[in-house]
Amino acid sequence: MIANLLLMLIYYCIVKCFYKEWKMDWDSMRPIAYFVLSLMFWGLGIFFYLGAATNWLESPAASRNGNLDCLVLKFYDYHDCWHFSSAFALFFTILMLMALDDQQRLTQRNALKVF
């Protein structure tokens, strides 16, 4: 499902460039900034997800012994940081998708290309 989303996003951006709906100006920097921020938080989320010390094959008592110290403010561990970073990643990804068509807000509806 994520691969399908990425392929459709790439296709959409390519077609927008093909129909010259994407102009490089200050208005188009917002989606690029959101994209960079979302990539940064997705990478951070993957780092925290893969750094978890839990082992589902062990008993709860044995798995508890493998817990790591808390990272942020001596309260939040890797799992909590994973939740925070993935939430920010989803937020910036949705902002990027919403901001892609901001340049078309003054275009008449019948002049928009449908692809």
PDB file of N, CA and C in Angstrom:
ATOM      1  N   MET A   1       0.816  -1.167   0.000  1.00  0.00           N
ATOM      2  CA  MET A   1       0.000   0.000   0.000  1.00  0.00           C
ATOM      3  C   MET A   1       0.885   1.266   0.000  1.00  0.00           C
ATOM      4  N   ILE A   2       1.962   1.243   0.757  1.00  0.00           N
ATOM      5  CA  ILE A   2       2.859   2.386   0.784  1.00  0.00           C
ATOM      6  C   ILE A   2       3.578   2.523  -0.552  1.00  0.00           C
ATOM      7  N   ALA A   3       3.954   1.378  -1.150  1.00  0.00           N
ATOM      8  CA  ALA A   3       4.605   1.421  -2.456  1.00  0.00           C
ATOM      9  C   ALA A   3       3.659   2.001  -3.507  1.00  0.00           C
ATOM     10  N   ASN A   4       2.382   1.654  -3.426  1.00  0.00           N
ATOM     11  CA  ASN A   4       1.393   2.197  -4.353  1.00  0.00           C
ATOM     12  C   ASN A   4       1.268   3.709  -4.166  1.00  0.00           C
ATOM     13  N   LEU A   5       1.257   4.182  -2.923  1.00  0.00           N
ATOM     14  CA  LEU A   5       1.202   5.616  -2.656  1.00  0.00           C
ATOM     15  C   LEU A   5       2.419   6.330  -3.225  1.00  0.00           C
ATOM     16  N   LEU A   6       3.594   5.768  -3.032  1.00  0.00           N
ATOM     17  CA  LEU A   6       4.810   6.394  -3.546  1.00  0.00           C
ATOM     18  C   LEU A   6       4.824   6.434  -5.070  1.00  0.00           C
ATOM     19  N   LEU A   7       4.398   5.343  -5.705  1.00  0.00           N
ATOM     20  CA  LEU A   7       4.350   5.324  -7.170  1.00  0.00           C
ATOM     21  C   LEU A   7       3.357   6.352  -7.707  1.00  0.00           C
ATOM     22  N   MET A   8       2.196   6.474  -7.071  1.00  0.00           N
ATOM     23  CA  MET A   8       1.206   7.446  -7.528  1.00  0.00           C
ATOM     24  C   MET A   8       1.695   8.878  -7.299  1.00  0.00           C
ATOM     25  N   LEU A   9       2.406   9.111  -6.207  1.00  0.00           N
ATOM     26  CA  LEU A   9       2.956  10.440  -5.940  1.00  0.00           C
ATOM     27  C   LEU A   9       4.015  10.813  -6.977  1.00  0.00           C
ATOM     28  N   ILE A  10       4.885   9.881  -7.312  1.00  0.00           N
ATOM     29  CA  ILE A  10       5.908  10.125  -8.335  1.00  0.00           C
ATOM     30  C   ILE A  10       5.251  10.380  -9.692  1.00  0.00           C
ATOM     31  N   TYR A  11       4.249   9.553 -10.036  1.00  0.00           N
ATOM     32  CA  TYR A  11       3.525   9.739 -11.293  1.00  0.00           C
ATOM     33  C   TYR A  11       2.860  11.115 -11.336  1.00  0.00           C
ATOM     34  N   TYR A  12       2.235  11.505 -10.240  1.00  0.00           N
ATOM     35  CA  TYR A  12       1.532  12.787 -10.185  1.00  0.00           C
ATOM     36  C   TYR A  12       2.499  13.954 -10.372  1.00  0.00           C
ATOM     37  N   CYS A  13       3.647  13.878  -9.731  1.00  0.00           N
ATOM     38  CA  CYS A  13       4.638  14.953  -9.867  1.00  0.00           C
ATOM     39  C   CYS A  13       5.201  15.019 -11.287  1.00  0.00           C
ATOM     40  N   ILE A  14       5.439  13.877 -11.906  1.00  0.00           N
ATOM     41  CA  ILE A  14       5.947  13.847 -13.278  1.00  0.00           C
ATOM     42  C   ILE A  14       4.924  14.427 -14.245  1.00  0.00           C
ATOM     43  N   VAL A  15       3.659  14.058 -14.086  1.00  0.00           N
ATOM     44  CA  VAL A  15       2.623  14.568 -14.982  1.00  0.00           C
ATOM     45  C   VAL A  15       2.417  16.070 -14.775  1.00  0.00           C
ATOM     46  N   LYS A  16       2.516  16.543 -13.540  1.00  0.00           N
ATOM     47  CA  LYS A  16       2.415  17.990 -13.292  1.00  0.00           C
ATOM     48  C   LYS A  16       3.545  18.744 -14.000  1.00  0.00           C
ATOM     49  N   CYS A  17       4.734  18.182 -14.002  1.00  0.00           N
ATOM     50  CA  CYS A  17       5.846  18.807 -14.719  1.00  0.00           C
ATOM     51  C   CYS A  17       5.629  18.739 -16.227  1.00  0.00           C
ATOM     52  N   PHE A  18       5.071  17.632 -16.702  1.00  0.00           N
ATOM     53  CA  PHE A  18       4.825  17.462 -18.138  1.00  0.00           C
ATOM     54  C   PHE A  18       3.821  18.497 -18.646  1.00  0.00           C
ATOM     55  N   TYR A  19       2.754  18.741 -17.890  1.00  0.00           N
ATOM     56  CA  TYR A  19       1.742  19.711 -18.290  1.00  0.00           C
ATOM     57  C   TYR A  19       2.099  21.145 -17.878  1.00  0.00           C
ATOM     58  N   LYS A  20       3.308  21.315 -17.367  1.00  0.00           N
ATOM     59  CA  LYS A  20       3.829  22.630 -16.956  1.00  0.00           C
ATOM     60  C   LYS A  20       2.940  23.299 -15.903  1.00  0.00           C
ATOM     61  N   GLU A  21       2.408  22.501 -14.996  1.00  0.00           N
ATOM     62  CA  GLU A  21       1.642  23.037 -13.878  1.00  0.00           C
ATOM     63  C   GLU A  21       2.549  23.321 -12.683  1.00  0.00           C
ATOM     64  N   TRP A  22       3.788  22.906 -12.763  1.00  0.00           N
ATOM     65  CA  TRP A  22       4.740  23.090 -11.675  1.00  0.00           C
ATOM     66  C   TRP A  22       5.747  24.148 -12.098  1.00  0.00           C
ATOM     67  N   LYS A  23       5.710  25.274 -11.442  1.00  0.00           N
ATOM     68  CA  LYS A  23       6.659  26.340 -11.727  1.00  0.00           C
ATOM     69  C   LYS A  23       7.559  26.510 -10.521  1.00  0.00           C
ATOM     70  N   MET A  24       8.846  26.645 -10.762  1.00  0.00           N
ATOM     71  CA  MET A  24       9.786  26.814  -9.652  1.00  0.00           C
ATOM     72  C   MET A  24       9.782  28.264  -9.198  1.00  0.00           C
ATOM     73  N   ASP A  25       9.038  28.550  -8.159  1.00  0.00           N
ATOM     74  CA  ASP A  25       9.038  29.860  -7.533  1.00  0.00           C
ATOM     75  C   ASP A  25       8.878  29.651  -6.024  1.00  0.00           C
ATOM     76  N   TRP A  26       8.695  30.714  -5.286  1.00  0.00           N
ATOM     77  CA  TRP A  26       8.614  30.587  -3.837  1.00  0.00           C
ATOM     78  C   TRP A  26       7.392  29.809  -3.404  1.00  0.00           C
ATOM     79  N   ASP A  27       6.349  29.824  -4.217  1.00  0.00           N
ATOM     80  CA  ASP A  27       5.134  29.086  -3.870  1.00  0.00           C
ATOM     81  C   ASP A  27       5.352  27.578  -3.946  1.00  0.00           C
ATOM     82  N   SER A  28       6.284  27.155  -4.781  1.00  0.00           N
ATOM     83  CA  SER A  28       6.530  25.717  -4.924  1.00  0.00           C
ATOM     84  C   SER A  28       7.559  25.197  -3.926  1.00  0.00           C
ATOM     85  N   MET A  29       8.135  26.072  -3.126  1.00  0.00           N
ATOM     86  CA  MET A  29       9.126  25.636  -2.137  1.00  0.00           C
ATOM     87  C   MET A  29       8.479  24.971  -0.924  1.00  0.00           C
ATOM     88  N   ARG A  30       7.235  25.320  -0.633  1.00  0.00           N
ATOM     89  CA  ARG A  30       6.563  24.702   0.516  1.00  0.00           C
ATOM     90  C   ARG A  30       6.432  23.196   0.380  1.00  0.00           C
ATOM     91  N   PRO A  31       5.923  22.662  -0.749  1.00  0.00           N
ATOM     92  CA  PRO A  31       5.849  21.200  -0.852  1.00  0.00           C
ATOM     93  C   PRO A  31       7.221  20.541  -0.803  1.00  0.00           C
ATOM     94  N   ILE A  32       8.227  21.201  -1.346  1.00  0.00           N
ATOM     95  CA  ILE A  32       9.579  20.634  -1.299  1.00  0.00           C
ATOM     96  C   ILE A  32      10.085  20.608   0.139  1.00  0.00           C
ATOM     97  N   ALA A  33       9.828  21.664   0.889  1.00  0.00           N
ATOM     98  CA  ALA A  33      10.232  21.699   2.298  1.00  0.00           C
ATOM     99  C   ALA A  33       9.488  20.636   3.097  1.00  0.00           C
ATOM    100  N   TYR A  34       8.194  20.473   2.837  1.00  0.00           N
ATOM    101  CA  TYR A  34       7.426  19.430   3.523  1.00  0.00           C
ATOM    102  C   TYR A  34       7.947  18.040   3.166  1.00  0.00           C
ATOM    103  N   PHE A  35       8.339  17.860   1.898  1.00  0.00           N
ATOM    104  CA  PHE A  35       8.876  16.570   1.469  1.00  0.00           C
ATOM    105  C   PHE A  35      10.186  16.258   2.193  1.00  0.00           C
ATOM    106  N   VAL A  36      11.071  17.253   2.292  1.00  0.00           N
ATOM    107  CA  VAL A  36      12.346  17.047   2.985  1.00  0.00           C
ATOM    108  C   VAL A  36      12.111  16.743   4.462  1.00  0.00           C
ATOM    109  N   LEU A  37      11.203  17.483   5.094  1.00  0.00           N
ATOM    110  CA  LEU A  37      10.897  17.226   6.497  1.00  0.00           C
ATOM    111  C   LEU A  37      10.272  15.847   6.699  1.00  0.00           C
ATOM    112  N   SER A  38       9.395  15.442   5.786  1.00  0.00           N
ATOM    113  CA  SER A  38       8.788  14.117   5.923  1.00  0.00           C
ATOM    114  C   SER A  38       9.828  13.010   5.742  1.00  0.00           C
ATOM    115  N   LEU A  39      10.758  13.186   4.788  1.00  0.00           N
ATOM    116  CA  LEU A  39      11.820  12.185   4.629  1.00  0.00           C
ATOM    117  C   LEU A  39      12.694  12.103   5.879  1.00  0.00           C
ATOM    118  N   MET A  40      12.978  13.255   6.456  1.00  0.00           N
ATOM    119  CA  MET A  40      13.797  13.273   7.667  1.00  0.00           C
ATOM    120  C   MET A  40      13.096  12.527   8.807  1.00  0.00           C
ATOM    121  N   PHE A  41      11.816  12.793   9.004  1.00  0.00           N
ATOM    122  CA  PHE A  41      11.099  12.126  10.089  1.00  0.00           C
ATOM    123  C   PHE A  41      10.826  10.654   9.778  1.00  0.00           C
ATOM    124  N   TRP A  42      10.634  10.295   8.491  1.00  0.00           N
ATOM    125  CA  TRP A  42      10.486   8.873   8.152  1.00  0.00           C
ATOM    126  C   TRP A  42      11.782   8.129   8.464  1.00  0.00           C
ATOM    127  N   GLY A  43      12.918   8.724   8.124  1.00  0.00           N
ATOM    128  CA  GLY A  43      14.196   8.092   8.434  1.00  0.00           C
ATOM    129  C   GLY A  43      14.408   7.945   9.927  1.00  0.00           C
ATOM    130  N   LEU A  44      14.051   8.976  10.675  1.00  0.00           N
ATOM    131  CA  LEU A  44      14.160   8.913  12.127  1.00  0.00           C
ATOM    132  C   LEU A  44      13.226   7.850  12.701  1.00  0.00           C
ATOM    133  N   GLY A  45      12.031   7.765  12.136  1.00  0.00           N
ATOM    134  CA  GLY A  45      11.081   6.742  12.587  1.00  0.00           C
ATOM    135  C   GLY A  45      11.583   5.335  12.311  1.00  0.00           C
ATOM    136  N   ILE A  46      12.188   5.120  11.153  1.00  0.00           N
ATOM    137  CA  ILE A  46      12.746   3.798  10.837  1.00  0.00           C
ATOM    138  C   ILE A  46      13.896   3.474  11.775  1.00  0.00           C
ATOM    139  N   PHE A  47      14.712   4.483  12.086  1.00  0.00           N
ATOM    140  CA  PHE A  47      15.814   4.277  13.034  1.00  0.00           C
ATOM    141  C   PHE A  47      15.284   3.826  14.392  1.00  0.00           C
ATOM    142  N   PHE A  48      14.271   4.505  14.906  1.00  0.00           N
ATOM    143  CA  PHE A  48      13.722   4.130  16.213  1.00  0.00           C
ATOM    144  C   PHE A  48      12.978   2.807  16.153  1.00  0.00           C
ATOM    145  N   TYR A  49      12.331   2.512  15.029  1.00  0.00           N
ATOM    146  CA  TYR A  49      11.603   1.243  14.903  1.00  0.00           C
ATOM    147  C   TYR A  49      12.567   0.064  14.904  1.00  0.00           C
ATOM    148  N   LEU A  50      13.663   0.194  14.167  1.00  0.00           N
ATOM    149  CA  LEU A  50      14.621  -0.900  14.099  1.00  0.00           C
ATOM    150  C   LEU A  50      15.480  -0.995  15.352  1.00  0.00           C
ATOM    151  N   GLY A  51      15.529   0.049  16.159  1.00  0.00           N
ATOM    152  CA  GLY A  51      16.346   0.040  17.367  1.00  0.00           C
ATOM    153  C   GLY A  51      15.627  -0.498  18.584  1.00  0.00           C
ATOM    154  N   ALA A  52      14.422  -0.988  18.413  1.00  0.00           N
ATOM    155  CA  ALA A  52      13.678  -1.507  19.563  1.00  0.00           C
ATOM    156  C   ALA A  52      14.353  -2.762  20.100  1.00  0.00           C
ATOM    157  N   ALA A  53      14.308  -2.906  21.417  1.00  0.00           N
ATOM    158  CA  ALA A  53      14.987  -4.031  22.067  1.00  0.00           C
ATOM    159  C   ALA A  53      14.021  -5.151  22.432  1.00  0.00           C
ATOM    160  N   THR A  54      12.813  -5.117  21.938  1.00  0.00           N
ATOM    161  CA  THR A  54      11.821  -6.123  22.293  1.00  0.00           C
ATOM    162  C   THR A  54      12.017  -7.384  21.461  1.00  0.00           C
ATOM    163  N   ASN A  55      11.806  -8.504  22.099  1.00  0.00           N
ATOM    164  CA  ASN A  55      11.864  -9.782  21.410  1.00  0.00           C
ATOM    165  C   ASN A  55      10.562 -10.515  21.685  1.00  0.00           C
ATOM    166  N   TRP A  56       9.756 -10.687  20.648  1.00  0.00           N
ATOM    167  CA  TRP A  56       8.440 -11.287  20.812  1.00  0.00           C
ATOM    168  C   TRP A  56       8.512 -12.790  21.045  1.00  0.00           C
ATOM    169  N   LEU A  57       9.657 -13.406  20.790  1.00  0.00           N
ATOM    170  CA  LEU A  57       9.784 -14.851  20.958  1.00  0.00           C
ATOM    171  C   LEU A  57      10.096 -15.245  22.393  1.00  0.00           C
ATOM    172  N   GLU A  58      10.478 -14.290  23.218  1.00  0.00           N
ATOM    173  CA  GLU A  58      10.807 -14.581  24.606  1.00  0.00           C
ATOM    174  C   GLU A  58       9.589 -14.371  25.502  1.00  0.00           C
ATOM    175  N   SER A  59       9.710 -14.846  26.715  1.00  0.00           N
ATOM    176  CA  SER A  59       8.651 -14.610  27.687  1.00  0.00           C
ATOM    177  C   SER A  59       8.676 -13.139  28.087  1.00  0.00           C
ATOM    178  N   PRO A  60       7.570 -12.617  28.641  1.00  0.00           N
ATOM    179  CA  PRO A  60       7.562 -11.206  29.040  1.00  0.00           C
ATOM    180  C   PRO A  60       8.657 -10.859  30.058  1.00  0.00           C
ATOM    181  N   ALA A  61       8.963 -11.761  30.968  1.00  0.00           N
ATOM    182  CA  ALA A  61       9.993 -11.479  31.964  1.00  0.00           C
ATOM    183  C   ALA A  61      11.371 -11.397  31.312  1.00  0.00           C
ATOM    184  N   ALA A  62      11.656 -12.296  30.377  1.00  0.00           N
ATOM    185  CA  ALA A  62      12.951 -12.274  29.695  1.00  0.00           C
ATOM    186  C   ALA A  62      13.055 -11.063  28.754  1.00  0.00           C
ATOM    187  N   SER A  63      11.944 -10.696  28.142  1.00  0.00           N
ATOM    188  CA  SER A  63      11.954  -9.547  27.246  1.00  0.00           C
ATOM    189  C   SER A  63      12.131  -8.245  28.035  1.00  0.00           C
ATOM    190  N   ARG A  64      11.586  -8.197  29.231  1.00  0.00           N
ATOM    191  CA  ARG A  64      11.719  -7.006  30.071  1.00  0.00           C
ATOM    192  C   ARG A  64      13.175  -6.744  30.438  1.00  0.00           C
ATOM    193  N   ASN A  65      13.964  -7.794  30.573  1.00  0.00           N
ATOM    194  CA  ASN A  65      15.382  -7.629  30.892  1.00  0.00           C
ATOM    195  C   ASN A  65      16.158  -6.977  29.752  1.00  0.00           C
ATOM    196  N   GLY A  66      15.643  -7.061  28.540  1.00  0.00           N
ATOM    197  CA  GLY A  66      16.315  -6.477  27.381  1.00  0.00           C
ATOM    198  C   GLY A  66      15.955  -5.025  27.124  1.00  0.00           C
ATOM    199  N   ASN A  67      15.101  -4.445  27.972  1.00  0.00           N
ATOM    200  CA  ASN A  67      14.701  -3.049  27.774  1.00  0.00           C
ATOM    201  C   ASN A  67      15.890  -2.114  27.884  1.00  0.00           C
ATOM    202  N   LEU A  68      15.860  -1.053  27.088  1.00  0.00           N
ATOM    203  CA  LEU A  68      16.918  -0.042  27.109  1.00  0.00           C
ATOM    204  C   LEU A  68      16.513   1.126  27.999  1.00  0.00           C
ATOM    205  N   ASP A  69      17.491   1.955  28.341  1.00  0.00           N
ATOM    206  CA  ASP A  69      17.198   3.160  29.116  1.00  0.00           C
ATOM    207  C   ASP A  69      16.389   4.140  28.278  1.00  0.00           C
ATOM    208  N   CYS A  70      15.668   5.010  28.951  1.00  0.00           N
ATOM    209  CA  CYS A  70      14.869   6.025  28.263  1.00  0.00           C
ATOM    210  C   CYS A  70      15.783   7.069  27.639  1.00  0.00           C
ATOM    211  N   LEU A  71      15.344   7.601  26.499  1.00  0.00           N
ATOM    212  CA  LEU A  71      16.162   8.534  25.732  1.00  0.00           C
ATOM    213  C   LEU A  71      15.874   9.995  26.047  1.00  0.00           C
ATOM    214  N   VAL A  72      14.637  10.397  25.890  1.00  0.00           N
ATOM    215  CA  VAL A  72      14.264  11.791  25.964  1.00  0.00           C
ATOM    216  C   VAL A  72      13.685  12.091  27.345  1.00  0.00           C
ATOM    217  N   LEU A  73      14.299  13.028  28.039  1.00  0.00           N
ATOM    218  CA  LEU A  73      13.852  13.480  29.360  1.00  0.00           C
ATOM    219  C   LEU A  73      13.776  12.341  30.381  1.00  0.00           C
ATOM    220  N   LYS A  74      14.538  11.296  30.151  1.00  0.00           N
ATOM    221  CA  LYS A  74      14.548  10.116  31.034  1.00  0.00           C
ATOM    222  C   LYS A  74      13.154   9.519  31.222  1.00  0.00           C
ATOM    223  N   PHE A  75      12.293   9.713  30.189  1.00  0.00           N
ATOM    224  CA  PHE A  75      10.921   9.233  30.283  1.00  0.00           C
ATOM    225  C   PHE A  75      10.488   8.470  29.026  1.00  0.00           C
ATOM    226  N   TYR A  76      10.875   8.962  27.846  1.00  0.00           N
ATOM    227  CA  TYR A  76      10.436   8.361  26.582  1.00  0.00           C
ATOM    228  C   TYR A  76      11.511   7.421  26.053  1.00  0.00           C
ATOM    229  N   ASP A  77      11.085   6.213  25.685  1.00  0.00           N
ATOM    230  CA  ASP A  77      12.042   5.241  25.149  1.00  0.00           C
ATOM    231  C   ASP A  77      11.950   5.199  23.627  1.00  0.00           C
ATOM    232  N   TYR A  78      12.604   4.211  23.015  1.00  0.00           N
ATOM    233  CA  TYR A  78      12.641   4.096  21.554  1.00  0.00           C
ATOM    234  C   TYR A  78      11.238   3.969  20.973  1.00  0.00           C
ATOM    235  N   HIS A  79      10.387   3.218  21.620  1.00  0.00           N
ATOM    236  CA  HIS A  79       9.041   2.997  21.094  1.00  0.00           C
ATOM    237  C   HIS A  79       8.252   4.307  21.071  1.00  0.00           C
ATOM    238  N   ASP A  80       8.365   5.099  22.130  1.00  0.00           N
ATOM    239  CA  ASP A  80       7.676   6.391  22.170  1.00  0.00           C
ATOM    240  C   ASP A  80       8.226   7.338  21.109  1.00  0.00           C
ATOM    241  N   CYS A  81       9.551   7.367  20.965  1.00  0.00           N
ATOM    242  CA  CYS A  81      10.172   8.225  19.945  1.00  0.00           C
ATOM    243  C   CYS A  81       9.762   7.783  18.544  1.00  0.00           C
ATOM    244  N   TRP A  82       9.560   6.475  18.361  1.00  0.00           N
ATOM    245  CA  TRP A  82       9.082   5.971  17.075  1.00  0.00           C
ATOM    246  C   TRP A  82       7.682   6.516  16.792  1.00  0.00           C
ATOM    247  N   HIS A  83       6.813   6.508  17.809  1.00  0.00           N
ATOM    248  CA  HIS A  83       5.465   7.029  17.625  1.00  0.00           C
ATOM    249  C   HIS A  83       5.495   8.527  17.285  1.00  0.00           C
ATOM    250  N   PHE A  84       6.308   9.292  17.993  1.00  0.00           N
ATOM    251  CA  PHE A  84       6.385  10.727  17.734  1.00  0.00           C
ATOM    252  C   PHE A  84       6.906  11.015  16.326  1.00  0.00           C
ATOM    253  N   SER A  85       7.999  10.358  15.951  1.00  0.00           N
ATOM    254  CA  SER A  85       8.600  10.646  14.644  1.00  0.00           C
ATOM    255  C   SER A  85       7.712  10.172  13.502  1.00  0.00           C
ATOM    256  N   SER A  86       7.043   9.031  13.652  1.00  0.00           N
ATOM    257  CA  SER A  86       6.162   8.578  12.571  1.00  0.00           C
ATOM    258  C   SER A  86       4.924   9.466  12.465  1.00  0.00           C
ATOM    259  N   ALA A  87       4.447  10.009  13.593  1.00  0.00           N
ATOM    260  CA  ALA A  87       3.312  10.936  13.541  1.00  0.00           C
ATOM    261  C   ALA A  87       3.709  12.216  12.808  1.00  0.00           C
ATOM    262  N   PHE A  88       4.900  12.760  13.108  1.00  0.00           N
ATOM    263  CA  PHE A  88       5.367  13.948  12.389  1.00  0.00           C
ATOM    264  C   PHE A  88       5.594  13.635  10.915  1.00  0.00           C
ATOM    265  N   ALA A  89       6.087  12.446  10.605  1.00  0.00           N
ATOM    266  CA  ALA A  89       6.313  12.068   9.209  1.00  0.00           C
ATOM    267  C   ALA A  89       4.992  12.017   8.448  1.00  0.00           C
ATOM    268  N   LEU A  90       3.975  11.417   9.036  1.00  0.00           N
ATOM    269  CA  LEU A  90       2.662  11.384   8.390  1.00  0.00           C
ATOM    270  C   LEU A  90       2.096  12.792   8.227  1.00  0.00           C
ATOM    271  N   PHE A  91       2.271  13.630   9.233  1.00  0.00           N
ATOM    272  CA  PHE A  91       1.782  14.998   9.176  1.00  0.00           C
ATOM    273  C   PHE A  91       2.419  15.770   8.023  1.00  0.00           C
ATOM    274  N   PHE A  92       3.749  15.704   7.901  1.00  0.00           N
ATOM    275  CA  PHE A  92       4.419  16.450   6.833  1.00  0.00           C
ATOM    276  C   PHE A  92       4.149  15.833   5.462  1.00  0.00           C
ATOM    277  N   THR A  93       3.926  14.529   5.392  1.00  0.00           N
ATOM    278  CA  THR A  93       3.570  13.902   4.118  1.00  0.00           C
ATOM    279  C   THR A  93       2.208  14.395   3.653  1.00  0.00           C
ATOM    280  N   ILE A  94       1.244  14.461   4.568  1.00  0.00           N
ATOM    281  CA  ILE A  94      -0.086  14.954   4.200  1.00  0.00           C
ATOM    282  C   ILE A  94      -0.031  16.436   3.839  1.00  0.00           C
ATOM    283  N   LEU A  95       0.763  17.218   4.562  1.00  0.00           N
ATOM    284  CA  LEU A  95       0.920  18.634   4.204  1.00  0.00           C
ATOM    285  C   LEU A  95       1.512  18.789   2.808  1.00  0.00           C
ATOM    286  N   MET A  96       2.473  17.923   2.474  1.00  0.00           N
ATOM    287  CA  MET A  96       3.073  17.986   1.139  1.00  0.00           C
ATOM    288  C   MET A  96       2.025  17.677   0.072  1.00  0.00           C
ATOM    289  N   LEU A  97       1.216  16.650   0.290  1.00  0.00           N
ATOM    290  CA  LEU A  97       0.190  16.299  -0.684  1.00  0.00           C
ATOM    291  C   LEU A  97      -0.837  17.422  -0.839  1.00  0.00           C
ATOM    292  N   MET A  98      -1.161  18.084   0.259  1.00  0.00           N
ATOM    293  CA  MET A  98      -2.129  19.187   0.188  1.00  0.00           C
ATOM    294  C   MET A  98      -1.545  20.402  -0.517  1.00  0.00           C
ATOM    295  N   ALA A  99      -0.239  20.638  -0.356  1.00  0.00           N
ATOM    296  CA  ALA A  99       0.377  21.839  -0.911  1.00  0.00           C
ATOM    297  C   ALA A  99       0.819  21.679  -2.363  1.00  0.00           C
ATOM    298  N   LEU A 100       0.739  20.477  -2.915  1.00  0.00           N
ATOM    299  CA  LEU A 100       1.193  20.271  -4.296  1.00  0.00           C
ATOM    300  C   LEU A 100       0.402  21.104  -5.302  1.00  0.00           C
ATOM    301  N   ASP A 101      -0.871  21.293  -5.057  1.00  0.00           N
ATOM    302  CA  ASP A 101      -1.717  21.989  -6.012  1.00  0.00           C
ATOM    303  C   ASP A 101      -2.006  23.433  -5.624  1.00  0.00           C
ATOM    304  N   ASP A 102      -1.242  23.998  -4.713  1.00  0.00           N
ATOM    305  CA  ASP A 102      -1.482  25.381  -4.306  1.00  0.00           C
ATOM    306  C   ASP A 102      -1.283  26.366  -5.444  1.00  0.00           C
ATOM    307  N   GLN A 103      -0.459  26.040  -6.412  1.00  0.00           N
ATOM    308  CA  GLN A 103      -0.239  26.954  -7.541  1.00  0.00           C
ATOM    309  C   GLN A 103      -1.449  27.013  -8.464  1.00  0.00           C
ATOM    310  N   GLN A 104      -2.348  26.066  -8.340  1.00  0.00           N
ATOM    311  CA  GLN A 104      -3.512  26.007  -9.224  1.00  0.00           C
ATOM    312  C   GLN A 104      -4.747  26.656  -8.618  1.00  0.00           C
ATOM    313  N   ARG A 105      -4.612  27.315  -7.482  1.00  0.00           N
ATOM    314  CA  ARG A 105      -5.794  27.829  -6.795  1.00  0.00           C
ATOM    315  C   ARG A 105      -6.481  28.964  -7.560  1.00  0.00           C
ATOM    316  N   LEU A 106      -5.775  29.665  -8.424  1.00  0.00           N
ATOM    317  CA  LEU A 106      -6.386  30.756  -9.184  1.00  0.00           C
ATOM    318  C   LEU A 106      -6.809  30.328 -10.593  1.00  0.00           C
ATOM    319  N   THR A 107      -6.560  29.096 -10.952  1.00  0.00           N
ATOM    320  CA  THR A 107      -6.907  28.582 -12.278  1.00  0.00           C
ATOM    321  C   THR A 107      -8.396  28.233 -12.319  1.00  0.00           C
ATOM    322  N   GLN A 108      -9.045  28.595 -13.416  1.00  0.00           N
ATOM    323  CA  GLN A 108     -10.451  28.250 -13.580  1.00  0.00           C
ATOM    324  C   GLN A 108     -10.611  26.727 -13.626  1.00  0.00           C
ATOM    325  N   ARG A 109     -11.724  26.261 -13.140  1.00  0.00           N
ATOM    326  CA  ARG A 109     -11.943  24.821 -13.032  1.00  0.00           C
ATOM    327  C   ARG A 109     -11.944  24.130 -14.400  1.00  0.00           C
ATOM    328  N   ASN A 110     -12.481  24.766 -15.418  1.00  0.00           N
ATOM    329  CA  ASN A 110     -12.537  24.143 -16.733  1.00  0.00           C
ATOM    330  C   ASN A 110     -11.177  24.164 -17.436  1.00  0.00           C
ATOM    331  N   ALA A 111     -10.202  24.930 -16.913  1.00  0.00           N
ATOM    332  CA  ALA A 111      -8.875  24.976 -17.515  1.00  0.00           C
ATOM    333  C   ALA A 111      -7.901  23.969 -16.884  1.00  0.00           C
ATOM    334  N   LEU A 112      -8.325  23.289 -15.830  1.00  0.00           N
ATOM    335  CA  LEU A 112      -7.461  22.302 -15.179  1.00  0.00           C
ATOM    336  C   LEU A 112      -7.340  21.040 -16.025  1.00  0.00           C
ATOM    337  N   LYS A 113      -6.148  20.501 -16.100  1.00  0.00           N
ATOM    338  CA  LYS A 113      -5.927  19.229 -16.825  1.00  0.00           C
ATOM    339  C   LYS A 113      -6.368  18.077 -15.926  1.00  0.00           C
ATOM    340  N   VAL A 114      -7.017  17.114 -16.539  1.00  0.00           N
ATOM    341  CA  VAL A 114      -7.443  15.927 -15.823  1.00  0.00           C
ATOM    342  C   VAL A 114      -6.604  14.776 -16.298  1.00  0.00           C
ATOM    343  N   PHE A 115      -5.864  14.186 -15.373  1.00  0.00           N
ATOM    344  CA  PHE A 115      -5.016  13.046 -15.738  1.00  0.00           C
ATOM    345  C   PHE A 115      -5.110  11.984 -14.691  1.00  0.00           C
TER     346      PHE A 115
END
